[in-house]
Amino acid sequence: MSRALNLEDPAEIRRHLSFLSHVEPRYTWIGVADAEGKVLAASHGMLEGQSVAEQPWFRRGLNAATAIDIHTSTILETILPASSEARRFINFSAPLKDPAGKHIGALGTHLDWTWVKNNLAAFKSPGVDVLLVARDQRVLFGPDDLQDETLSVGAAIAAGQSVSIPLTERWPDGKDYFTVTLPVQFDDMPGLGWSLIVRADSANAMEPTKALIRSFWTMLGGGFLVALELLYGFALWLSKPLARIANTAEQLADGRSDQPPYEETRYWEASRLSAALVRLQAQAMSDHQTTPVTTAGGDETQVPRVRLVEAA
């Protein structure tokens, strides 16, 4: 870093840092301080010449890369435009070393907390809440009724332990939520112990599934009704020839054979039954006719053929 920032040329450093803050407006302040804590150069010249030796970001950043959790900055409030609410920042800092490895200063940044909130708000969607939770289980960002509250639900406990876990549990508002806890970690930045909790009301979360089930049953029910209509139609098509055949058979049983059976051709089995009834009707009509017989006295008389069959 010291090779990129020549501490002997504060004007050049200021130019680079001002350009960086213009490209990255999320950084309210970026500055470089020497080993004693005096600000040598900063974006737009803010705080130059002042001491930051007592600032946590400098004390800790002078020896190692450091992240400082959300806080207000009294020193910046004196030079920034007036605001209706106190500004809050997150600090990132890192040591500056000379070629021999000696610590010669620190680079510090003030990241605007409003930028973080706006970006988190963009992740929200209907029925889904996004919470940013600190290591002490305090809500840094979330629904208004949970803002700055310390949570005791399982998802918050997992956040305090930096554990990734999905859960279904009841929250203080009495509703059941599906939650996923994800620690916020960056390979190239010091951690703040934050975790994201994404939660969805279980009733709302199940709504797409319920809608799918309703659609399925509607489709199934509609399919059932269509199938029922088809089966009914098929039953009518199948039973009508059988009804005609049964009617003809009853007429024959009652001795009424004056009407010929209907010639069934709808399907093979009905056709066979119809043909059999035609033959039965013909036989019945033949049996009820008389045949001449000569008696012992030489007289001829008419005797029903059915009697001859019975006598045989």
C-alpha atoms as a PDB file:
ATOM      1  CA  MET A   1       0.000   0.000   0.000  1.00  0.00           C
ATOM      2  CA  SER A   2       2.820   2.427   0.829  1.00  0.00           C
ATOM      3  CA  ARG A   3       4.189   1.964  -2.660  1.00  0.00           C
ATOM      4  CA  ALA A   4       0.816   3.025  -4.125  1.00  0.00           C
ATOM      5  CA  LEU A   5       0.506   5.908  -1.658  1.00  0.00           C
ATOM      6  CA  ASN A   6       3.681   7.970  -1.448  1.00  0.00           C
ATOM      7  CA  LEU A   7       3.465   9.605   1.967  1.00  0.00           C
ATOM      8  CA  GLU A   8       5.956  12.217   0.782  1.00  0.00           C
ATOM      9  CA  ASP A   9       3.368  13.572  -1.665  1.00  0.00           C
ATOM     10  CA  PRO A  10       0.112  14.298   0.228  1.00  0.00           C
ATOM     11  CA  ALA A  11      -1.367  16.219  -2.712  1.00  0.00           C
ATOM     12  CA  GLU A  12      -1.084  13.170  -4.958  1.00  0.00           C
ATOM     13  CA  ILE A  13      -2.610  10.975  -2.256  1.00  0.00           C
ATOM     14  CA  ARG A  14      -5.489  13.452  -1.848  1.00  0.00           C
ATOM     15  CA  ARG A  15      -6.153  13.377  -5.586  1.00  0.00           C
ATOM     16  CA  HIS A  16      -6.289   9.575  -5.636  1.00  0.00           C
ATOM     17  CA  LEU A  17      -8.492   9.342  -2.559  1.00  0.00           C
ATOM     18  CA  SER A  18     -10.891  12.040  -3.790  1.00  0.00           C
ATOM     19  CA  PHE A  19     -11.249  10.218  -7.093  1.00  0.00           C
ATOM     20  CA  LEU A  20     -11.893   6.968  -5.230  1.00  0.00           C
ATOM     21  CA  SER A  21     -14.600   8.560  -3.057  1.00  0.00           C
ATOM     22  CA  HIS A  22     -16.236   9.945  -6.205  1.00  0.00           C
ATOM     23  CA  VAL A  23     -16.264   6.501  -7.836  1.00  0.00           C
ATOM     24  CA  GLU A  24     -17.366   4.865  -4.575  1.00  0.00           C
ATOM     25  CA  PRO A  25     -19.808   7.329  -2.956  1.00  0.00           C
ATOM     26  CA  ARG A  26     -20.533   4.802  -0.219  1.00  0.00           C
ATOM     27  CA  TYR A  27     -17.284   5.958   1.382  1.00  0.00           C
ATOM     28  CA  THR A  28     -17.948   9.225   3.201  1.00  0.00           C
ATOM     29  CA  TRP A  29     -14.303   9.621   4.136  1.00  0.00           C
ATOM     30  CA  ILE A  30     -11.040   7.995   3.088  1.00  0.00           C
ATOM     31  CA  GLY A  31      -7.791   9.158   4.619  1.00  0.00           C
ATOM     32  CA  VAL A  32      -4.186   8.389   5.459  1.00  0.00           C
ATOM     33  CA  ALA A  33      -2.589   9.140   8.830  1.00  0.00           C
ATOM     34  CA  ASP A  34       1.037   8.851   9.820  1.00  0.00           C
ATOM     35  CA  ALA A  35       2.306   6.726  12.703  1.00  0.00           C
ATOM     36  CA  GLU A  36       1.423   9.458  15.215  1.00  0.00           C
ATOM     37  CA  GLY A  37      -2.157   9.685  14.021  1.00  0.00           C
ATOM     38  CA  LYS A  38      -1.946  12.941  12.081  1.00  0.00           C
ATOM     39  CA  VAL A  39      -4.067  12.959   8.924  1.00  0.00           C
ATOM     40  CA  LEU A  40      -1.662  13.559   6.024  1.00  0.00           C
ATOM     41  CA  ALA A  41      -4.177  13.375   3.186  1.00  0.00           C
ATOM     42  CA  ALA A  42      -7.866  12.619   2.796  1.00  0.00           C
ATOM     43  CA  SER A  43     -10.643  12.690   0.254  1.00  0.00           C
ATOM     44  CA  HIS A  44     -11.587  16.297  -0.479  1.00  0.00           C
ATOM     45  CA  GLY A  45      -9.071  17.388   2.166  1.00  0.00           C
ATOM     46  CA  MET A  46     -11.418  16.568   5.068  1.00  0.00           C
ATOM     47  CA  LEU A  47      -9.692  16.343   8.489  1.00  0.00           C
ATOM     48  CA  GLU A  48      -6.247  16.978   7.043  1.00  0.00           C
ATOM     49  CA  GLY A  49      -3.834  18.131   9.719  1.00  0.00           C
ATOM     50  CA  GLN A  50      -6.079  16.855  12.530  1.00  0.00           C
ATOM     51  CA  SER A  51      -5.238  14.011  14.876  1.00  0.00           C
ATOM     52  CA  VAL A  52      -7.100  10.700  14.779  1.00  0.00           C
ATOM     53  CA  ALA A  53      -4.742   9.025  17.225  1.00  0.00           C
ATOM     54  CA  GLU A  54      -7.590   8.217  19.601  1.00  0.00           C
ATOM     55  CA  GLN A  55      -9.902   6.848  16.932  1.00  0.00           C
ATOM     56  CA  PRO A  56     -10.420   3.058  17.239  1.00  0.00           C
ATOM     57  CA  TRP A  57      -9.932   2.526  13.529  1.00  0.00           C
ATOM     58  CA  PHE A  58      -6.486   4.102  13.709  1.00  0.00           C
ATOM     59  CA  ARG A  59      -5.289   2.416  16.891  1.00  0.00           C
ATOM     60  CA  ARG A  60      -6.286  -1.002  15.679  1.00  0.00           C
ATOM     61  CA  GLY A  61      -5.604  -0.419  12.011  1.00  0.00           C
ATOM     62  CA  LEU A  62      -2.044   0.668  12.669  1.00  0.00           C
ATOM     63  CA  ASN A  63      -1.141  -2.984  13.375  1.00  0.00           C
ATOM     64  CA  ALA A  64      -3.613  -5.104  11.396  1.00  0.00           C
ATOM     65  CA  ALA A  65      -6.548  -4.950   9.022  1.00  0.00           C
ATOM     66  CA  THR A  66      -9.556  -4.004  11.101  1.00  0.00           C
ATOM     67  CA  ALA A  67     -13.321  -3.552  10.835  1.00  0.00           C
ATOM     68  CA  ILE A  68     -15.191  -1.367  13.339  1.00  0.00           C
ATOM     69  CA  ASP A  69     -18.915  -1.976  13.798  1.00  0.00           C
ATOM     70  CA  ILE A  70     -21.604   0.667  13.335  1.00  0.00           C
ATOM     71  CA  HIS A  71     -20.989   3.876  15.223  1.00  0.00           C
ATOM     72  CA  THR A  72     -21.400   7.634  15.013  1.00  0.00           C
ATOM     73  CA  SER A  73     -18.452   9.930  14.317  1.00  0.00           C
ATOM     74  CA  THR A  74     -18.291  13.136  16.284  1.00  0.00           C
ATOM     75  CA  ILE A  75     -15.235  14.283  14.392  1.00  0.00           C
ATOM     76  CA  LEU A  76     -16.919  13.920  10.991  1.00  0.00           C
ATOM     77  CA  GLU A  77     -20.218  15.427  12.104  1.00  0.00           C
ATOM     78  CA  THR A  78     -18.425  18.740  12.634  1.00  0.00           C
ATOM     79  CA  ILE A  79     -17.483  19.026   8.952  1.00  0.00           C
ATOM     80  CA  LEU A  80     -20.313  17.228   7.121  1.00  0.00           C
ATOM     81  CA  PRO A  81     -23.527  18.970   6.039  1.00  0.00           C
ATOM     82  CA  ALA A  82     -26.301  18.997   8.644  1.00  0.00           C
ATOM     83  CA  SER A  83     -28.549  15.931   8.706  1.00  0.00           C
ATOM     84  CA  SER A  84     -31.951  15.269  10.287  1.00  0.00           C
ATOM     85  CA  GLU A  85     -30.600  12.143  11.961  1.00  0.00           C
ATOM     86  CA  ALA A  86     -27.195  11.152  13.239  1.00  0.00           C
ATOM     87  CA  ARG A  87     -24.990   9.586  10.599  1.00  0.00           C
ATOM     88  CA  ARG A  88     -23.616   6.154  11.292  1.00  0.00           C
ATOM     89  CA  PHE A  89     -20.556   4.557   9.793  1.00  0.00           C
ATOM     90  CA  ILE A  90     -18.587   1.352   9.522  1.00  0.00           C
ATOM     91  CA  ASN A  91     -14.802   1.666   9.613  1.00  0.00           C
ATOM     92  CA  PHE A  92     -12.282  -0.363   7.676  1.00  0.00           C
ATOM     93  CA  SER A  93      -8.585   0.274   8.177  1.00  0.00           C
ATOM     94  CA  ALA A  94      -5.254  -1.284   7.358  1.00  0.00           C
ATOM     95  CA  PRO A  95      -1.601  -0.572   8.242  1.00  0.00           C
ATOM     96  CA  LEU A  96       0.861   1.146   5.914  1.00  0.00           C
ATOM     97  CA  LYS A  97       4.423  -0.192   5.897  1.00  0.00           C
ATOM     98  CA  ASP A  98       7.670   0.911   4.388  1.00  0.00           C
ATOM     99  CA  PRO A  99       9.819  -1.448   2.278  1.00  0.00           C
ATOM    100  CA  ALA A 100      11.509  -2.672   5.456  1.00  0.00           C
ATOM    101  CA  GLY A 101       8.173  -3.683   6.968  1.00  0.00           C
ATOM    102  CA  LYS A 102       8.027  -0.868   9.495  1.00  0.00           C
ATOM    103  CA  HIS A 103       4.580   0.524  10.302  1.00  0.00           C
ATOM    104  CA  ILE A 104       4.486   4.104   9.084  1.00  0.00           C
ATOM    105  CA  GLY A 105       0.794   4.880   9.255  1.00  0.00           C
ATOM    106  CA  ALA A 106      -2.721   3.641   8.549  1.00  0.00           C
ATOM    107  CA  LEU A 107      -5.316   3.932   5.835  1.00  0.00           C
ATOM    108  CA  GLY A 108      -8.865   4.384   7.097  1.00  0.00           C
ATOM    109  CA  THR A 109     -12.332   4.583   5.554  1.00  0.00           C
ATOM    110  CA  HIS A 110     -15.780   5.551   6.817  1.00  0.00           C
ATOM    111  CA  LEU A 111     -18.448   3.515   5.014  1.00  0.00           C
ATOM    112  CA  ASP A 112     -21.890   5.140   5.096  1.00  0.00           C
ATOM    113  CA  TRP A 113     -24.348   2.893   6.961  1.00  0.00           C
ATOM    114  CA  THR A 114     -27.242   4.364   4.920  1.00  0.00           C
ATOM    115  CA  TRP A 115     -25.733   2.787   1.826  1.00  0.00           C
ATOM    116  CA  VAL A 116     -25.756  -0.620   3.534  1.00  0.00           C
ATOM    117  CA  LYS A 117     -29.401  -0.210   4.606  1.00  0.00           C
ATOM    118  CA  ASN A 118     -30.523   0.842   1.129  1.00  0.00           C
ATOM    119  CA  ASN A 119     -28.863  -2.180  -0.412  1.00  0.00           C
ATOM    120  CA  LEU A 120     -30.383  -4.535   2.122  1.00  0.00           C
ATOM    121  CA  ALA A 121     -33.825  -3.016   1.536  1.00  0.00           C
ATOM    122  CA  ALA A 122     -33.454  -3.847  -2.159  1.00  0.00           C
ATOM    123  CA  PHE A 123     -33.398  -7.548  -1.261  1.00  0.00           C
ATOM    124  CA  LYS A 124     -36.844  -7.423   0.313  1.00  0.00           C
ATOM    125  CA  SER A 125     -39.781  -8.974  -1.472  1.00  0.00           C
ATOM    126  CA  PRO A 126     -43.442  -9.527  -0.524  1.00  0.00           C
ATOM    127  CA  GLY A 127     -43.682 -11.945   2.368  1.00  0.00           C
ATOM    128  CA  VAL A 128     -39.914 -12.095   2.848  1.00  0.00           C
ATOM    129  CA  ASP A 129     -37.891 -10.118   5.426  1.00  0.00           C
ATOM    130  CA  VAL A 130     -34.142  -9.584   5.438  1.00  0.00           C
ATOM    131  CA  LEU A 131     -32.453  -8.965   8.801  1.00  0.00           C
ATOM    132  CA  LEU A 132     -28.864  -8.052   9.518  1.00  0.00           C
ATOM    133  CA  VAL A 133     -27.924  -9.290  12.977  1.00  0.00           C
ATOM    134  CA  ALA A 134     -24.817  -8.506  14.999  1.00  0.00           C
ATOM    135  CA  ARG A 135     -22.779 -11.012  16.971  1.00  0.00           C
ATOM    136  CA  ASP A 136     -24.674 -10.025  20.132  1.00  0.00           C
ATOM    137  CA  GLN A 137     -27.958 -10.999  18.374  1.00  0.00           C
ATOM    138  CA  ARG A 138     -29.012  -7.369  18.021  1.00  0.00           C
ATOM    139  CA  VAL A 139     -30.953  -6.442  14.895  1.00  0.00           C
ATOM    140  CA  LEU A 140     -28.951  -3.884  12.933  1.00  0.00           C
ATOM    141  CA  PHE A 141     -31.406  -3.842  10.057  1.00  0.00           C
ATOM    142  CA  GLY A 142     -34.832  -5.407   9.720  1.00  0.00           C
ATOM    143  CA  PRO A 143     -38.549  -4.797  10.193  1.00  0.00           C
ATOM    144  CA  ASP A 144     -39.379  -1.686  12.209  1.00  0.00           C
ATOM    145  CA  ASP A 145     -40.736  -3.676  15.153  1.00  0.00           C
ATOM    146  CA  LEU A 146     -37.417  -5.544  15.471  1.00  0.00           C
ATOM    147  CA  GLN A 147     -35.004  -2.685  14.845  1.00  0.00           C
ATOM    148  CA  ASP A 148     -32.262  -2.595  17.529  1.00  0.00           C
ATOM    149  CA  GLU A 149     -33.963  -5.460  19.404  1.00  0.00           C
ATOM    150  CA  THR A 150     -31.928  -8.355  20.781  1.00  0.00           C
ATOM    151  CA  LEU A 151     -33.432 -11.610  19.554  1.00  0.00           C
ATOM    152  CA  SER A 152     -33.534 -14.958  21.310  1.00  0.00           C
ATOM    153  CA  VAL A 153     -34.928 -17.106  18.494  1.00  0.00           C
ATOM    154  CA  GLY A 154     -32.855 -19.956  17.133  1.00  0.00           C
ATOM    155  CA  ALA A 155     -31.933 -18.090  13.974  1.00  0.00           C
ATOM    156  CA  ALA A 156     -30.439 -15.233  16.032  1.00  0.00           C
ATOM    157  CA  ILE A 157     -28.564 -17.659  18.282  1.00  0.00           C
ATOM    158  CA  ALA A 158     -27.074 -19.239  15.150  1.00  0.00           C
ATOM    159  CA  ALA A 159     -26.158 -15.730  13.951  1.00  0.00           C
ATOM    160  CA  GLY A 160     -24.363 -15.068  17.228  1.00  0.00           C
ATOM    161  CA  GLN A 161     -22.319 -18.209  16.635  1.00  0.00           C
ATOM    162  CA  SER A 162     -21.753 -17.447  12.920  1.00  0.00           C
ATOM    163  CA  VAL A 163     -23.473 -20.681  11.931  1.00  0.00           C
ATOM    164  CA  SER A 164     -25.374 -21.256   8.701  1.00  0.00           C
ATOM    165  CA  ILE A 165     -28.655 -23.023   9.374  1.00  0.00           C
ATOM    166  CA  PRO A 166     -32.254 -23.268   8.085  1.00  0.00           C
ATOM    167  CA  LEU A 167     -35.007 -23.318  10.707  1.00  0.00           C
ATOM    168  CA  THR A 168     -38.758 -23.202  11.151  1.00  0.00           C
ATOM    169  CA  GLU A 169     -39.740 -21.496  14.393  1.00  0.00           C
ATOM    170  CA  ARG A 170     -42.162 -19.132  16.087  1.00  0.00           C
ATOM    171  CA  TRP A 171     -41.050 -15.505  16.425  1.00  0.00           C
ATOM    172  CA  PRO A 172     -42.071 -12.903  19.038  1.00  0.00           C
ATOM    173  CA  ASP A 173     -45.001 -11.733  16.866  1.00  0.00           C
ATOM    174  CA  GLY A 174     -46.592 -15.174  17.294  1.00  0.00           C
ATOM    175  CA  LYS A 175     -46.099 -16.216  13.660  1.00  0.00           C
ATOM    176  CA  ASP A 176     -44.191 -19.199  12.379  1.00  0.00           C
ATOM    177  CA  TYR A 177     -41.381 -18.429   9.944  1.00  0.00           C
ATOM    178  CA  PHE A 178     -39.051 -20.331   7.697  1.00  0.00           C
ATOM    179  CA  THR A 179     -35.591 -18.815   8.258  1.00  0.00           C
ATOM    180  CA  VAL A 180     -32.121 -19.168   6.806  1.00  0.00           C
ATOM    181  CA  THR A 181     -29.113 -17.753   8.683  1.00  0.00           C
ATOM    182  CA  LEU A 182     -25.985 -16.884   6.693  1.00  0.00           C
ATOM    183  CA  PRO A 183     -22.803 -15.416   8.231  1.00  0.00           C
ATOM    184  CA  VAL A 184     -21.450 -12.370   6.369  1.00  0.00           C
ATOM    185  CA  GLN A 185     -17.855 -13.175   5.549  1.00  0.00           C
ATOM    186  CA  PHE A 186     -15.380 -11.810   3.021  1.00  0.00           C
ATOM    187  CA  ASP A 187     -12.076 -13.423   2.165  1.00  0.00           C
ATOM    188  CA  ASP A 188     -10.274 -10.094   1.725  1.00  0.00           C
ATOM    189  CA  MET A 189     -11.876  -8.111   4.554  1.00  0.00           C
ATOM    190  CA  PRO A 190     -11.938  -8.415   8.337  1.00  0.00           C
ATOM    191  CA  GLY A 191     -15.229  -9.693   9.708  1.00  0.00           C
ATOM    192  CA  LEU A 192     -17.742  -7.769  11.762  1.00  0.00           C
ATOM    193  CA  GLY A 193     -19.512 -10.823  13.171  1.00  0.00           C
ATOM    194  CA  TRP A 194     -22.631 -10.047  11.181  1.00  0.00           C
ATOM    195  CA  SER A 195     -25.138 -12.549   9.842  1.00  0.00           C
ATOM    196  CA  LEU A 196     -28.035 -12.252   7.458  1.00  0.00           C
ATOM    197  CA  ILE A 197     -31.336 -13.825   8.440  1.00  0.00           C
ATOM    198  CA  VAL A 198     -33.838 -14.285   5.642  1.00  0.00           C
ATOM    199  CA  ARG A 199     -37.271 -15.201   6.919  1.00  0.00           C
ATOM    200  CA  ALA A 200     -40.616 -15.931   5.291  1.00  0.00           C
ATOM    201  CA  ASP A 201     -43.995 -16.303   6.964  1.00  0.00           C
ATOM    202  CA  SER A 202     -44.708 -20.020   6.759  1.00  0.00           C
ATOM    203  CA  ALA A 203     -48.320 -19.354   5.762  1.00  0.00           C
ATOM    204  CA  ASN A 204     -47.236 -17.109   2.889  1.00  0.00           C
ATOM    205  CA  ALA A 205     -44.276 -19.280   1.999  1.00  0.00           C
ATOM    206  CA  MET A 206     -46.612 -22.253   1.538  1.00  0.00           C
ATOM    207  CA  GLU A 207     -49.045 -20.293  -0.614  1.00  0.00           C
ATOM    208  CA  PRO A 208     -47.347 -21.176  -3.941  1.00  0.00           C
ATOM    209  CA  THR A 209     -47.401 -24.824  -2.890  1.00  0.00           C
ATOM    210  CA  LYS A 210     -51.046 -24.571  -1.845  1.00  0.00           C
ATOM    211  CA  ALA A 211     -51.892 -22.875  -5.140  1.00  0.00           C
ATOM    212  CA  LEU A 212     -50.125 -25.670  -6.995  1.00  0.00           C
ATOM    213  CA  ILE A 213     -52.075 -28.275  -5.033  1.00  0.00           C
ATOM    214  CA  ARG A 214     -55.337 -26.429  -5.732  1.00  0.00           C
ATOM    215  CA  SER A 215     -54.484 -26.306  -9.430  1.00  0.00           C
ATOM    216  CA  PHE A 216     -53.656 -29.991  -9.375  1.00  0.00           C
ATOM    217  CA  TRP A 217     -56.952 -30.929  -7.769  1.00  0.00           C
ATOM    218  CA  THR A 218     -58.841 -28.611 -10.114  1.00  0.00           C
ATOM    219  CA  MET A 219     -57.135 -30.239 -13.051  1.00  0.00           C
ATOM    220  CA  LEU A 220     -57.695 -33.690 -11.582  1.00  0.00           C
ATOM    221  CA  GLY A 221     -61.317 -32.890 -10.790  1.00  0.00           C
ATOM    222  CA  GLY A 222     -61.854 -31.502 -14.275  1.00  0.00           C
ATOM    223  CA  GLY A 223     -60.211 -34.576 -15.737  1.00  0.00           C
ATOM    224  CA  PHE A 224     -62.405 -36.792 -13.564  1.00  0.00           C
ATOM    225  CA  LEU A 225     -65.575 -35.071 -14.767  1.00  0.00           C
ATOM    226  CA  VAL A 226     -64.504 -35.380 -18.383  1.00  0.00           C
ATOM    227  CA  ALA A 227     -63.627 -39.036 -17.823  1.00  0.00           C
ATOM    228  CA  LEU A 228     -66.989 -39.582 -16.122  1.00  0.00           C
ATOM    229  CA  GLU A 229     -68.830 -38.059 -19.067  1.00  0.00           C
ATOM    230  CA  LEU A 230     -66.870 -40.245 -21.463  1.00  0.00           C
ATOM    231  CA  LEU A 231     -67.577 -43.342 -19.379  1.00  0.00           C
ATOM    232  CA  TYR A 232     -71.270 -42.458 -19.225  1.00  0.00           C
ATOM    233  CA  GLY A 233     -71.381 -42.025 -22.985  1.00  0.00           C
ATOM    234  CA  PHE A 234     -69.577 -45.308 -23.474  1.00  0.00           C
ATOM    235  CA  ALA A 235     -71.950 -47.043 -21.081  1.00  0.00           C
ATOM    236  CA  LEU A 236     -74.924 -45.756 -23.077  1.00  0.00           C
ATOM    237  CA  TRP A 237     -73.300 -46.898 -26.317  1.00  0.00           C
ATOM    238  CA  LEU A 238     -72.646 -50.318 -24.773  1.00  0.00           C
ATOM    239  CA  SER A 239     -75.980 -50.805 -22.999  1.00  0.00           C
ATOM    240  CA  LYS A 240     -78.387 -49.679 -25.715  1.00  0.00           C
ATOM    241  CA  PRO A 241     -77.925 -52.790 -27.913  1.00  0.00           C
ATOM    242  CA  LEU A 242     -78.108 -54.999 -24.801  1.00  0.00           C
ATOM    243  CA  ALA A 243     -81.370 -53.350 -23.787  1.00  0.00           C
ATOM    244  CA  ARG A 244     -82.861 -54.024 -27.245  1.00  0.00           C
ATOM    245  CA  ILE A 245     -81.658 -57.630 -27.128  1.00  0.00           C
ATOM    246  CA  ALA A 246     -83.109 -58.116 -23.640  1.00  0.00           C
ATOM    247  CA  ASN A 247     -86.439 -56.658 -24.796  1.00  0.00           C
ATOM    248  CA  THR A 248     -86.554 -59.057 -27.751  1.00  0.00           C
ATOM    249  CA  ALA A 249     -85.706 -61.999 -25.471  1.00  0.00           C
ATOM    250  CA  GLU A 250     -88.565 -61.047 -23.099  1.00  0.00           C
ATOM    251  CA  GLN A 251     -91.001 -60.915 -26.052  1.00  0.00           C
ATOM    252  CA  LEU A 252     -89.938 -64.367 -27.129  1.00  0.00           C
ATOM    253  CA  ALA A 253     -90.351 -65.670 -23.569  1.00  0.00           C
ATOM    254  CA  ASP A 254     -93.880 -64.238 -23.520  1.00  0.00           C
ATOM    255  CA  GLY A 255     -94.721 -65.971 -26.792  1.00  0.00           C
ATOM    256  CA  ARG A 256     -94.751 -62.747 -28.799  1.00  0.00           C
ATOM    257  CA  SER A 257     -92.633 -63.265 -31.899  1.00  0.00           C
ATOM    258  CA  ASP A 258     -94.412 -61.046 -34.403  1.00  0.00           C
ATOM    259  CA  GLN A 259     -91.681 -58.324 -34.317  1.00  0.00           C
ATOM    260  CA  PRO A 260     -88.288 -59.252 -35.811  1.00  0.00           C
ATOM    261  CA  PRO A 261     -85.247 -58.580 -33.593  1.00  0.00           C
ATOM    262  CA  TYR A 262     -83.232 -55.436 -34.288  1.00  0.00           C
ATOM    263  CA  GLU A 263     -80.134 -56.279 -36.278  1.00  0.00           C
ATOM    264  CA  GLU A 264     -77.300 -55.222 -33.988  1.00  0.00           C
ATOM    265  CA  THR A 265     -74.038 -54.202 -35.648  1.00  0.00           C
ATOM    266  CA  ARG A 266     -72.518 -51.871 -33.029  1.00  0.00           C
ATOM    267  CA  TYR A 267     -70.079 -54.458 -31.717  1.00  0.00           C
ATOM    268  CA  TRP A 268     -69.392 -58.133 -32.358  1.00  0.00           C
ATOM    269  CA  GLU A 269     -70.878 -59.594 -29.180  1.00  0.00           C
ATOM    270  CA  ALA A 270     -74.172 -57.723 -29.666  1.00  0.00           C
ATOM    271  CA  SER A 271     -74.254 -58.836 -33.280  1.00  0.00           C
ATOM    272  CA  ARG A 272     -73.906 -62.497 -32.232  1.00  0.00           C
ATOM    273  CA  LEU A 273     -76.685 -62.188 -29.636  1.00  0.00           C
ATOM    274  CA  SER A 274     -78.927 -60.462 -32.147  1.00  0.00           C
ATOM    275  CA  ALA A 275     -78.354 -63.212 -34.738  1.00  0.00           C
ATOM    276  CA  ALA A 276     -79.033 -65.897 -32.113  1.00  0.00           C
ATOM    277  CA  LEU A 277     -82.346 -64.211 -31.227  1.00  0.00           C
ATOM    278  CA  VAL A 278     -83.303 -64.133 -34.910  1.00  0.00           C
ATOM    279  CA  ARG A 279     -82.754 -67.876 -35.075  1.00  0.00           C
ATOM    280  CA  LEU A 280     -84.704 -68.444 -31.842  1.00  0.00           C
ATOM    281  CA  GLN A 281     -87.583 -66.336 -33.127  1.00  0.00           C
ATOM    282  CA  ALA A 282     -87.662 -68.269 -36.384  1.00  0.00           C
ATOM    283  CA  GLN A 283     -87.670 -71.540 -34.478  1.00  0.00           C
ATOM    284  CA  ALA A 284     -90.442 -70.342 -32.196  1.00  0.00           C
ATOM    285  CA  MET A 285     -92.591 -69.264 -35.129  1.00  0.00           C
ATOM    286  CA  SER A 286     -91.983 -72.634 -36.788  1.00  0.00           C
ATOM    287  CA  ASP A 287     -92.877 -74.547 -33.619  1.00  0.00           C
ATOM    288  CA  HIS A 288     -96.215 -72.791 -33.314  1.00  0.00           C
ATOM    289  CA  GLN A 289     -97.287 -73.832 -36.838  1.00  0.00           C
ATOM    290  CA  THR A 290     -99.434 -77.085 -37.282  1.00  0.00           C
ATOM    291  CA  THR A 291     -98.569 -80.176 -39.354  1.00  0.00           C
ATOM    292  CA  PRO A 292    -101.046 -82.682 -40.959  1.00  0.00           C
ATOM    293  CA  VAL A 293    -101.303 -86.132 -39.283  1.00  0.00           C
ATOM    294  CA  THR A 294    -103.435 -89.111 -40.450  1.00  0.00           C
ATOM    295  CA  THR A 295    -105.390 -90.773 -37.662  1.00  0.00           C
ATOM    296  CA  ALA A 296    -106.043 -94.493 -37.267  1.00  0.00           C
ATOM    297  CA  GLY A 297    -109.484 -94.003 -38.775  1.00  0.00           C
ATOM    298  CA  GLY A 298    -108.010 -92.557 -41.916  1.00  0.00           C
ATOM    299  CA  ASP A 299    -108.837 -88.904 -41.093  1.00  0.00           C
ATOM    300  CA  GLU A 300    -106.293 -86.104 -41.382  1.00  0.00           C
ATOM    301  CA  THR A 301    -105.940 -83.582 -38.561  1.00  0.00           C
ATOM    302  CA  GLN A 302    -103.650 -80.612 -37.762  1.00  0.00           C
ATOM    303  CA  VAL A 303    -101.410 -81.098 -34.735  1.00  0.00           C
ATOM    304  CA  PRO A 304     -98.996 -78.462 -33.492  1.00  0.00           C
ATOM    305  CA  ARG A 305     -95.423 -79.443 -34.182  1.00  0.00           C
ATOM    306  CA  VAL A 306     -94.485 -78.652 -30.655  1.00  0.00           C
ATOM    307  CA  ARG A 307     -96.723 -81.492 -29.534  1.00  0.00           C
ATOM    308  CA  LEU A 308     -94.906 -83.861 -31.845  1.00  0.00           C
ATOM    309  CA  VAL A 309     -91.639 -82.836 -30.369  1.00  0.00           C
ATOM    310  CA  GLU A 310     -92.996 -83.261 -26.856  1.00  0.00           C
ATOM    311  CA  ALA A 311     -94.461 -86.702 -27.795  1.00  0.00           C
ATOM    312  CA  ALA A 312     -91.135 -87.770 -29.188  1.00  0.00           C
END
